[in-house]
Amino acid sequence: YNIFLYFQLVSFHYSQLQLPILPHLSNNEKLKTRLINDTDFFISLAADLLKKSEHEITCEQRQNAKQICYGILYGMSKETFARETQMNINDAEEFIENFYKTFPIMTQYLNDIKQRVLETGFVQSIYGRSLYFDLNHMTSNEMMKARMERQAINFVIQASACDIMKVAMERINQTLDRTFPFDLKIRPTPIRPVYLVLQIHDELIFEIEISLRTNEIINIIRHAMERNDYINLLLPVQIKSGDNWESMISVV
């Protein structure tokens, strides 16, 4: 029995995993609504920031809105944003300020993170993992302080995304164990119809047996990834399958 002959690779990739985290943590209903309803979140965001209608937004403007959004999540400075978007520093600063003015609740939350790390010396992810800073060193000058504040925001978002992936993997494993139980005392050990092969950042790759239960298994994994006890938003998952990683095609 050659396991590779009767199995296919299926990729489950979180679509923009970090994006729902900040609106959830900051309880920003405006951004939550956008994420749920908008067909293209970044076009809608660019229209808000530039005070234009969505059909007026160019590809470049959409890309700038996307970069500032992720730049905030990753703790990007205005200098880095200007360099990445090829804006002059004044235009970049104005673009960032418009973002903060458009979403004041989220701005307040980001300021709360900065204040918290200055007061306590640490920040936490949604599942309680902590990052500690040496306040004596990190507040020795304004540049170090700004760096610490960016790192604190980055950790809250990125570590929370990592937490979500870990919880999803555990939930998938538990669900598959219940769906396809087997006794290790039995020899030879029954072959399971699904195996986790790789986890790469926001992506899980499984080897799934080609059978009448293939779609059932795909839906089990999809459902386990899309729901999360902490994030009150559906976490979209893109699914692809194929005989090898390079030639995968989308699964509806």
Protein backbone atom coordinates (compact mmCIF):
# COMPACT_ATOMS: atom_id res chain seq x y z
CA TYR A 1 0.00 0.00 0.00
CA ASN A 2 1.62 3.21 -1.18
CA ILE A 3 0.16 6.05 0.86
CA PHE A 4 1.01 8.70 -1.75
CA LEU A 5 -1.05 7.07 -4.51
CA TYR A 6 -4.39 7.47 -2.76
CA PHE A 7 -3.90 10.81 -1.02
CA GLN A 8 -3.85 14.45 -2.06
CA LEU A 9 -2.28 17.53 -0.51
CA VAL A 10 -4.76 20.11 0.77
CA SER A 11 -3.67 23.57 1.90
CA PHE A 12 -5.68 25.62 4.42
CA HIS A 13 -4.45 29.20 4.51
CA TYR A 14 -5.81 31.94 6.76
CA SER A 15 -6.73 34.93 4.63
CA GLN A 16 -5.39 38.05 6.38
CA LEU A 17 -5.27 36.45 9.83
CA GLN A 18 -3.83 39.52 11.55
CA LEU A 19 -6.45 41.87 10.12
CA PRO A 20 -9.43 40.92 12.37
CA ILE A 21 -7.34 40.88 15.56
CA LEU A 22 -6.91 44.63 16.10
CA PRO A 23 -10.60 45.54 15.46
CA HIS A 24 -11.55 42.79 17.90
CA LEU A 25 -9.08 43.80 20.62
CA SER A 26 -9.95 47.48 20.27
CA ASN A 27 -13.67 46.69 20.00
CA ASN A 28 -13.86 48.78 16.85
CA GLU A 29 -17.32 48.06 15.45
CA LYS A 30 -16.71 50.19 12.35
CA LEU A 31 -13.79 48.05 11.23
CA LYS A 32 -15.56 44.83 12.23
CA THR A 33 -18.50 45.75 10.01
CA ARG A 34 -16.12 46.49 7.15
CA LEU A 35 -14.45 43.12 7.49
CA ILE A 36 -17.79 41.32 7.48
CA ASN A 37 -19.53 43.22 4.68
CA ASP A 38 -16.96 44.65 2.29
CA THR A 39 -15.93 42.71 -0.79
CA ASP A 40 -12.60 44.56 -0.82
CA PHE A 41 -11.67 45.88 2.61
CA PHE A 42 -8.68 47.91 1.42
CA ILE A 43 -10.57 49.78 -1.32
CA SER A 44 -13.16 50.74 1.27
CA LEU A 45 -10.41 51.79 3.68
CA ALA A 46 -8.63 53.89 1.03
CA ALA A 47 -11.91 55.62 0.14
CA ASP A 48 -12.39 56.58 3.78
CA LEU A 49 -8.85 57.83 4.23
CA LEU A 50 -8.82 59.86 1.02
CA LYS A 51 -12.44 61.03 1.27
CA LYS A 52 -13.28 59.58 -2.15
CA SER A 53 -15.85 57.17 -3.52
CA GLU A 54 -14.71 53.56 -3.89
CA HIS A 55 -14.81 53.60 -7.71
CA GLU A 56 -12.31 56.50 -7.69
CA ILE A 57 -9.68 54.53 -5.79
CA THR A 58 -6.66 53.50 -7.87
CA CYS A 59 -4.61 50.34 -7.41
CA GLU A 60 -1.80 52.45 -5.96
CA GLN A 61 -4.11 54.07 -3.41
CA ARG A 62 -5.52 50.68 -2.42
CA GLN A 63 -1.97 49.37 -1.96
CA ASN A 64 -1.05 52.38 0.20
CA ALA A 65 -4.09 51.79 2.42
CA LYS A 66 -3.12 48.13 2.73
CA GLN A 67 0.45 49.00 3.64
CA ILE A 68 -0.52 51.52 6.31
CA CYS A 69 -3.00 49.06 7.79
CA TYR A 70 -0.42 46.30 8.01
CA GLY A 71 2.25 48.83 8.88
CA ILE A 72 0.33 49.68 12.04
CA LEU A 73 -0.02 45.98 12.84
CA TYR A 74 3.72 45.45 12.37
CA GLY A 75 4.72 48.63 14.16
CA MET A 76 6.00 50.40 11.03
CA SER A 77 7.41 53.91 11.48
CA LYS A 78 6.40 56.82 9.22
CA GLU A 79 9.90 56.78 7.70
CA THR A 80 9.54 53.12 6.72
CA PHE A 81 6.04 53.71 5.37
CA ALA A 82 7.29 56.62 3.26
CA ARG A 83 10.09 54.49 1.87
CA GLU A 84 7.82 51.50 1.15
CA THR A 85 5.19 53.61 -0.64
CA GLN A 86 7.69 56.01 -2.24
CA MET A 87 5.88 58.96 -0.65
CA ASN A 88 7.64 61.97 0.76
CA ILE A 89 7.72 62.01 4.54
CA ASN A 90 5.05 64.72 4.88
CA ASP A 91 2.52 62.85 2.70
CA ALA A 92 3.25 59.62 4.55
CA GLU A 93 2.73 61.32 7.90
CA GLU A 94 -0.57 62.83 6.69
CA PHE A 95 -1.77 59.43 5.44
CA ILE A 96 -1.02 57.85 8.81
CA GLU A 97 -2.71 60.69 10.70
CA ASN A 98 -5.83 60.30 8.53
CA PHE A 99 -5.93 56.63 9.49
CA TYR A 100 -5.84 57.46 13.18
CA LYS A 101 -8.48 60.19 12.79
CA THR A 102 -10.76 57.84 10.85
CA PHE A 103 -10.55 55.12 13.51
CA PRO A 104 -10.19 56.95 16.86
CA ILE A 105 -11.24 53.92 18.94
CA MET A 106 -8.42 51.85 17.50
CA THR A 107 -6.03 54.76 17.95
CA GLN A 108 -6.96 54.90 21.63
CA TYR A 109 -6.35 51.16 21.96
CA LEU A 110 -2.89 51.44 20.41
CA ASN A 111 -2.12 54.30 22.80
CA ASP A 112 -3.33 52.11 25.67
CA ILE A 113 -0.82 49.42 24.65
CA LYS A 114 1.97 52.00 24.66
CA GLN A 115 0.91 53.30 28.07
CA ARG A 116 0.62 49.78 29.48
CA VAL A 117 4.11 48.77 28.42
CA LEU A 118 5.55 51.99 29.89
CA GLU A 119 3.80 51.31 33.21
CA THR A 120 4.30 47.54 33.52
CA GLY A 121 7.20 46.68 31.23
CA PHE A 122 5.31 43.93 29.41
CA VAL A 123 2.40 43.19 27.05
CA GLN A 124 0.32 40.06 26.46
CA SER A 125 -1.29 38.22 23.57
CA ILE A 126 -4.98 37.26 23.66
CA TYR A 127 -4.07 33.91 25.23
CA GLY A 128 -1.80 35.44 27.86
CA ARG A 129 1.69 34.99 26.42
CA SER A 130 3.93 37.84 27.58
CA LEU A 131 6.76 39.90 26.16
CA TYR A 132 8.92 41.73 28.72
CA PHE A 133 11.05 44.84 28.20
CA ASP A 134 13.92 46.34 30.17
CA LEU A 135 12.35 49.73 30.88
CA ASN A 136 15.60 51.29 32.10
CA HIS A 137 17.24 50.48 28.78
CA MET A 138 14.26 50.96 26.45
CA THR A 139 13.29 54.36 27.84
CA SER A 140 16.83 55.75 27.87
CA ASN A 141 16.03 57.94 24.84
CA GLU A 142 13.09 58.75 22.57
CA MET A 143 14.28 56.50 19.75
CA MET A 144 14.49 53.45 22.02
CA LYS A 145 11.13 54.30 23.58
CA ALA A 146 9.46 54.54 20.16
CA ARG A 147 11.03 51.23 19.18
CA MET A 148 9.69 49.56 22.31
CA GLU A 149 6.19 50.91 21.65
CA ARG A 150 6.24 49.56 18.07
CA GLN A 151 7.50 46.18 19.27
CA ALA A 152 4.76 46.04 21.91
CA ILE A 153 2.01 46.62 19.34
CA ASN A 154 3.62 44.17 16.94
CA PHE A 155 3.78 41.48 19.63
CA VAL A 156 0.14 41.83 20.67
CA ILE A 157 -0.99 41.31 17.06
CA GLN A 158 1.54 38.74 15.85
CA ALA A 159 1.59 36.64 19.01
CA SER A 160 -2.21 36.62 19.07
CA ALA A 161 -2.23 35.40 15.45
CA CYS A 162 0.19 32.66 16.45
CA ASP A 163 -2.05 31.74 19.39
CA ILE A 164 -5.05 31.44 17.06
CA MET A 165 -3.13 29.08 14.77
CA LYS A 166 -1.98 26.90 17.67
CA VAL A 167 -5.51 26.67 19.08
CA ALA A 168 -6.85 25.81 15.62
CA MET A 169 -4.31 23.01 15.24
CA GLU A 170 -5.28 21.55 18.61
CA ARG A 171 -9.00 21.83 17.80
CA ILE A 172 -8.44 20.10 14.44
CA ASN A 173 -6.52 17.28 16.11
CA GLN A 174 -9.19 16.74 18.75
CA THR A 175 -12.00 16.74 16.18
CA LEU A 176 -10.18 14.31 13.88
CA ASP A 177 -9.43 12.01 16.84
CA ARG A 178 -13.15 11.87 17.61
CA THR A 179 -14.11 11.39 13.97
CA PHE A 180 -11.46 8.80 13.14
CA PRO A 181 -10.58 7.02 16.40
CA PHE A 182 -8.03 4.24 16.36
CA ASP A 183 -6.40 1.98 18.92
CA LEU A 184 -2.60 2.03 18.93
CA LYS A 185 -2.64 -1.49 20.41
CA ILE A 186 -4.00 -2.84 17.14
CA ARG A 187 -1.35 -4.22 14.79
CA PRO A 188 -0.97 -3.25 12.05
CA THR A 189 -2.06 0.26 13.01
CA PRO A 190 -5.04 1.40 10.90
CA ILE A 191 -4.11 4.06 8.36
CA ARG A 192 -5.74 7.38 9.14
CA PRO A 193 -7.37 9.20 6.20
CA VAL A 194 -5.80 12.57 7.10
CA TYR A 195 -2.40 13.74 8.35
CA LEU A 196 -0.94 17.17 9.08
CA VAL A 197 2.20 17.51 6.96
CA LEU A 198 3.35 21.12 7.43
CA GLN A 199 2.55 24.34 9.24
CA ILE A 200 4.01 27.43 7.58
CA HIS A 201 3.08 30.77 9.14
CA ASP A 202 -0.69 31.09 8.55
CA GLU A 203 -0.98 27.91 6.46
CA LEU A 204 -1.60 24.25 7.28
CA ILE A 205 -0.95 21.53 4.70
CA PHE A 206 -2.63 18.16 5.13
CA GLU A 207 -2.40 14.88 3.30
CA ILE A 208 -5.99 13.69 2.87
CA GLU A 209 -7.14 10.36 1.47
CA ILE A 210 -9.08 10.56 -1.79
CA SER A 211 -12.39 8.97 -0.85
CA LEU A 212 -16.08 9.60 -0.33
CA ARG A 213 -15.14 11.33 2.96
CA THR A 214 -12.68 13.84 1.47
CA ASN A 215 -15.12 16.76 1.51
CA GLU A 216 -16.21 15.86 5.04
CA ILE A 217 -12.60 16.03 6.24
CA ILE A 218 -12.00 19.34 4.45
CA ASN A 219 -15.08 20.84 6.08
CA ILE A 220 -14.00 19.59 9.53
CA ILE A 221 -10.66 21.36 9.18
CA ARG A 222 -12.19 24.50 7.67
CA HIS A 223 -14.75 24.81 10.47
CA ALA A 224 -12.11 24.30 13.18
CA MET A 225 -9.96 27.08 11.71
CA GLU A 226 -12.70 29.62 10.97
CA ARG A 227 -14.09 29.81 14.49
CA ASN A 228 -12.25 31.07 17.55
CA ASP A 229 -13.41 31.59 21.12
CA TYR A 230 -11.73 35.02 21.40
CA ILE A 231 -12.30 36.59 17.99
CA ASN A 232 -15.97 37.31 17.32
CA LEU A 233 -15.41 37.36 13.59
CA LEU A 234 -15.26 34.61 11.00
CA LEU A 235 -11.63 33.97 10.09
CA PRO A 236 -11.69 33.27 6.32
CA VAL A 237 -9.70 30.26 5.14
CA GLN A 238 -8.50 29.76 1.56
CA ILE A 239 -8.36 26.10 0.53
CA LYS A 240 -6.34 24.59 -2.30
CA SER A 241 -5.61 20.98 -3.27
CA GLY A 242 -3.37 19.09 -5.65
CA ASP A 243 -0.82 16.34 -6.12
CA ASN A 244 2.00 18.66 -5.09
CA TRP A 245 2.37 22.03 -3.38
CA GLU A 246 3.25 23.93 -6.56
CA SER A 247 0.26 22.83 -8.66
CA MET A 248 -2.55 23.27 -6.13
CA ILE A 249 -5.84 24.77 -7.30
CA SER A 250 -8.58 26.48 -5.29
CA VAL A 251 -11.30 24.39 -3.68
CA VAL A 252 -14.76 25.97 -3.57
